[in-house]
Amino acid sequence: MSQKQVIGEPLVIGGRRLSLSRAIRAGDFVYLTGQVPMRDGAVMTSGTIEEQTRAVLDDITATLDLAGCTRADVVKAMVWLVDRADFPGFNAVYGEYFPEDPPARSAVVSDLLVDVKVEVEVVAYKPVARP
């Protein structure tokens, strides 16, 4: 197995292929691209922080599955919120997805490149079966 493996199909939004991979496995680690809320292949620019957070974490769960991982394998999460007032709503939903032994996490307030409320990036650790 190559040391670097692309996970999932290329990301396409609005008919345009993005210049990034959904996820990359590098040895025992899986690095997911920062995920923004998507619905039906389009960026979800409306909805509450809770709705957008669920959309993000559902997509992260699906991408982890493509890599043979689960949320339990996530060791680090990085979170960007546009509005600090959204943190309690985000955190409540995040806690539903990581109820026990949550990963290490950083969170910052920042302007995002797309018109959404949240972006989340995760790293998972899942050792590759070796002969």
Protein backbone atom coordinates (compact mmCIF):
# COMPACT_ATOMS: atom_id res chain seq x y z
CA MET A 1 0.00 0.00 0.00
CA SER A 2 1.25 3.46 -0.89
CA GLN A 3 2.07 5.73 2.01
CA LYS A 4 -0.48 8.24 0.67
CA GLN A 5 -3.96 7.14 -0.38
CA VAL A 6 -6.74 9.45 -1.62
CA ILE A 7 -10.07 8.63 0.02
CA GLY A 8 -13.37 9.16 -1.81
CA GLU A 9 -14.32 10.69 -5.12
CA PRO A 10 -13.17 14.21 -6.08
CA LEU A 11 -15.28 16.98 -4.59
CA VAL A 12 -17.49 18.75 -7.12
CA ILE A 13 -19.56 21.84 -6.31
CA GLY A 14 -21.65 23.61 -8.89
CA GLY A 15 -20.20 21.41 -11.62
CA ARG A 16 -16.65 22.45 -10.76
CA ARG A 17 -14.08 19.96 -9.46
CA LEU A 18 -12.34 21.34 -6.39
CA SER A 19 -8.57 21.23 -6.09
CA LEU A 20 -8.57 19.18 -2.90
CA SER A 21 -9.21 15.64 -1.75
CA ARG A 22 -12.05 14.62 0.55
CA ALA A 23 -9.51 12.81 2.73
CA ILE A 24 -5.99 11.40 2.61
CA ARG A 25 -4.69 8.34 4.43
CA ALA A 26 -1.03 8.67 5.31
CA GLY A 27 0.12 5.56 7.12
CA ASP A 28 -2.05 5.05 10.19
CA PHE A 29 -3.60 8.54 10.03
CA VAL A 30 -6.54 9.81 7.99
CA TYR A 31 -6.71 13.57 7.38
CA LEU A 32 -10.08 14.98 6.34
CA THR A 33 -10.46 18.22 4.45
CA GLY A 34 -12.25 20.95 6.39
CA GLN A 35 -15.95 20.25 5.92
CA VAL A 36 -18.56 22.98 5.49
CA PRO A 37 -22.29 22.22 5.63
CA MET A 38 -23.59 20.73 2.38
CA ARG A 39 -27.07 19.65 1.34
CA ASP A 40 -27.83 17.91 -1.94
CA GLY A 41 -24.39 18.80 -3.33
CA ALA A 42 -24.68 22.52 -2.58
CA VAL A 43 -23.22 24.67 0.17
CA MET A 44 -25.84 25.15 2.90
CA THR A 45 -25.88 28.92 3.40
CA SER A 46 -29.04 28.94 5.52
CA GLY A 47 -30.06 27.07 8.65
CA THR A 48 -29.23 27.32 12.32
CA ILE A 49 -25.82 26.55 13.75
CA GLU A 50 -27.27 23.26 14.99
CA GLU A 51 -28.52 22.29 11.50
CA GLN A 52 -25.24 23.28 9.87
CA THR A 53 -23.22 21.44 12.52
CA ARG A 54 -25.25 18.24 11.99
CA ALA A 55 -24.72 18.50 8.22
CA VAL A 56 -20.96 18.89 8.72
CA LEU A 57 -20.67 16.04 11.21
CA ASP A 58 -22.84 13.73 9.08
CA ASP A 59 -20.56 14.35 6.09
CA ILE A 60 -17.48 13.78 8.26
CA THR A 61 -19.01 10.51 9.46
CA ALA A 62 -19.61 9.40 5.85
CA THR A 63 -16.06 10.31 4.79
CA LEU A 64 -14.59 8.48 7.79
CA ASP A 65 -16.61 5.44 6.75
CA LEU A 66 -15.06 5.58 3.26
CA ALA A 67 -11.66 5.42 4.98
CA GLY A 68 -12.68 2.47 7.17
CA CYS A 69 -12.91 4.67 10.25
CA THR A 70 -15.58 5.81 12.70
CA ARG A 71 -15.93 8.92 14.83
CA ALA A 72 -14.34 6.89 17.66
CA ASP A 73 -11.09 6.95 15.63
CA VAL A 74 -10.97 10.77 15.54
CA VAL A 75 -8.05 12.06 17.60
CA LYS A 76 -8.12 15.77 16.71
CA ALA A 77 -10.74 18.25 15.54
CA MET A 78 -10.28 21.85 14.39
CA VAL A 79 -13.36 24.06 14.38
CA TRP A 80 -13.95 27.45 12.78
CA LEU A 81 -17.05 29.44 13.74
CA VAL A 82 -18.04 32.75 12.16
CA ASP A 83 -19.82 33.98 15.32
CA ARG A 84 -18.69 33.20 18.87
CA ALA A 85 -22.34 33.37 19.96
CA ASP A 86 -22.87 30.13 17.97
CA PHE A 87 -20.46 28.16 20.15
CA PRO A 88 -23.04 26.84 22.68
CA GLY A 89 -25.30 25.51 19.88
CA PHE A 90 -22.34 24.03 18.02
CA ASN A 91 -20.95 22.46 21.18
CA ALA A 92 -24.28 20.85 22.12
CA VAL A 93 -24.54 19.10 18.74
CA TYR A 94 -20.83 18.21 18.70
CA GLY A 95 -21.29 16.54 22.08
CA GLU A 96 -24.03 14.31 20.60
CA TYR A 97 -21.58 13.06 17.95
CA PHE A 98 -18.67 12.60 20.37
CA PRO A 99 -20.37 11.63 23.65
CA GLU A 100 -17.48 9.62 25.14
CA ASP A 101 -13.72 10.07 24.95
CA PRO A 102 -13.99 13.06 22.59
CA PRO A 103 -11.00 14.00 20.46
CA ALA A 104 -8.66 16.85 21.27
CA ARG A 105 -10.19 19.99 19.80
CA SER A 106 -9.34 23.57 18.93
CA ALA A 107 -11.95 26.17 18.05
CA VAL A 108 -11.53 29.68 16.70
CA VAL A 109 -13.75 32.49 15.49
CA SER A 110 -12.86 33.43 11.94
CA ASP A 111 -14.27 34.70 8.68
CA LEU A 112 -14.78 31.78 6.27
CA LEU A 113 -14.33 31.66 2.50
CA VAL A 114 -17.93 30.52 1.97
CA ASP A 115 -21.13 31.91 3.48
CA VAL A 116 -21.66 29.34 6.25
CA LYS A 117 -21.53 29.38 10.04
CA VAL A 118 -19.10 26.50 10.69
CA GLU A 119 -16.26 24.44 9.27
CA VAL A 120 -14.76 21.36 10.92
CA GLU A 121 -11.60 19.43 10.06
CA VAL A 122 -10.65 16.15 11.73
CA VAL A 123 -7.74 13.72 11.91
CA ALA A 124 -8.39 10.04 12.63
CA TYR A 125 -5.96 7.35 13.76
CA LYS A 126 -6.69 3.85 12.49
CA PRO A 127 -3.70 1.52 12.10
CA VAL A 128 -3.42 -0.15 8.71
CA ALA A 129 -3.54 -3.94 8.86
CA ARG A 130 -0.04 -5.20 8.19
CA PRO A 131 0.88 -8.70 6.96
